[in-house]
């Protein structure tokens, strides 16, 4: 990783963490690993530095979009027709 890329990645990681104040650093890294696997098909230990930076930017964009759209709706009671992730539970 080049020094410039290191600084950029560290800066974006700090922004992402600031947008998620209730998330511990380990949780954030685990989540970024999940996103790397979901979007690139590789775990955190296997993605290239530029790919990691792309995952950081994508996640930052998602967090900013959530903030702009307002607070999340209240959770529905157990047995509701959608899951917490918003996926339908009824066929």
Protein backbone atom coordinates (compact mmCIF):
# COMPACT_ATOMS: atom_id res chain seq x y z
CA UNK A 1 0.00 0.00 0.00
CA UNK A 2 1.40 3.37 -0.91
CA UNK A 3 1.64 6.08 1.69
CA UNK A 4 -0.98 8.17 -0.13
CA UNK A 5 -3.35 5.20 -0.31
CA UNK A 6 -2.74 4.47 3.39
CA UNK A 7 -3.63 8.02 4.35
CA UNK A 8 -6.74 7.97 2.18
CA UNK A 9 -7.90 4.61 3.55
CA UNK A 10 -7.27 5.71 7.13
CA UNK A 11 -9.15 8.95 6.54
CA UNK A 12 -12.17 7.25 4.97
CA UNK A 13 -12.15 4.58 7.69
CA UNK A 14 -12.28 7.36 10.30
CA UNK A 15 -15.22 8.97 8.45
CA UNK A 16 -17.09 5.67 8.28
CA UNK A 17 -16.49 5.02 11.97
CA UNK A 18 -17.66 8.54 12.85
CA UNK A 19 -20.88 7.89 10.90
CA UNK A 20 -21.42 4.77 13.05
CA UNK A 21 -20.73 6.01 16.60
CA UNK A 22 -22.37 3.01 18.29
CA UNK A 23 -20.21 0.50 16.40
CA UNK A 24 -17.00 -0.85 17.90
CA UNK A 25 -13.93 -0.91 15.66
CA UNK A 26 -13.89 -4.71 15.56
CA UNK A 27 -17.54 -4.73 14.52
CA UNK A 28 -16.82 -2.22 11.77
CA UNK A 29 -13.91 -4.27 10.43
CA UNK A 30 -16.01 -7.44 10.52
CA UNK A 31 -18.77 -5.62 8.64
CA UNK A 32 -16.31 -4.32 6.05
CA UNK A 33 -15.07 -7.89 5.63
CA UNK A 34 -18.65 -9.03 5.04
CA UNK A 35 -19.12 -6.26 2.46
CA UNK A 36 -15.88 -7.23 0.73
CA UNK A 37 -17.11 -10.80 0.52
CA UNK A 38 -20.58 -9.75 -0.65
CA UNK A 39 -19.41 -7.27 -3.30
CA UNK A 40 -16.07 -8.72 -4.37
CA UNK A 41 -16.36 -12.39 -3.47
CA UNK A 42 -13.25 -12.13 -1.25
CA UNK A 43 -12.81 -11.83 2.48
CA UNK A 44 -11.08 -8.87 4.09
CA UNK A 45 -7.72 -10.64 4.22
CA UNK A 46 -7.78 -11.33 0.49
CA UNK A 47 -8.89 -8.06 -1.09
CA UNK A 48 -6.37 -5.65 -2.52
CA UNK A 49 -5.85 -2.27 -0.90
CA UNK A 50 -7.61 -0.39 -3.69
CA UNK A 51 -10.55 -2.79 -3.40
CA UNK A 52 -10.68 -2.19 0.36
CA UNK A 53 -10.77 1.54 -0.31
CA UNK A 54 -13.64 1.02 -2.75
CA UNK A 55 -15.55 -0.94 -0.07
CA UNK A 56 -14.94 1.91 2.39
CA UNK A 57 -16.23 4.52 -0.07
CA UNK A 58 -19.29 2.41 -0.90
CA UNK A 59 -20.12 1.89 2.77
CA UNK A 60 -19.61 5.59 3.50
CA UNK A 61 -22.05 6.45 0.70
CA UNK A 62 -24.61 4.03 2.12
CA UNK A 63 -24.28 5.51 5.61
CA UNK A 64 -24.61 9.07 4.30
CA UNK A 65 -27.71 8.09 2.29
CA UNK A 66 -29.27 6.62 5.44
CA UNK A 67 -28.59 9.81 7.36
CA UNK A 68 -30.15 11.92 4.61
CA UNK A 69 -33.28 9.75 4.50
CA UNK A 70 -33.98 10.24 8.20
CA UNK A 71 -34.39 7.82 11.09
CA UNK A 72 -35.06 4.16 10.45
CA UNK A 73 -38.66 2.99 10.92
CA UNK A 74 -39.51 1.20 14.16
CA UNK A 75 -39.06 -2.55 14.24
CA UNK A 76 -42.19 -4.56 13.65
CA UNK A 77 -43.41 -7.21 16.09
CA UNK A 78 -42.38 -10.84 15.71
CA UNK A 79 -44.30 -12.57 12.95
CA UNK A 80 -44.56 -9.44 10.80
CA UNK A 81 -44.57 -9.85 7.04
CA UNK A 82 -41.02 -8.47 6.63
CA UNK A 83 -37.74 -9.30 8.32
CA UNK A 84 -35.52 -6.78 10.07
CA UNK A 85 -33.48 -6.50 6.86
CA UNK A 86 -36.65 -5.53 4.98
CA UNK A 87 -36.90 -8.79 3.07
CA UNK A 88 -40.38 -10.26 2.72
CA UNK A 89 -41.03 -13.25 4.96
CA UNK A 90 -44.24 -14.32 3.26
CA UNK A 91 -44.15 -16.16 -0.05
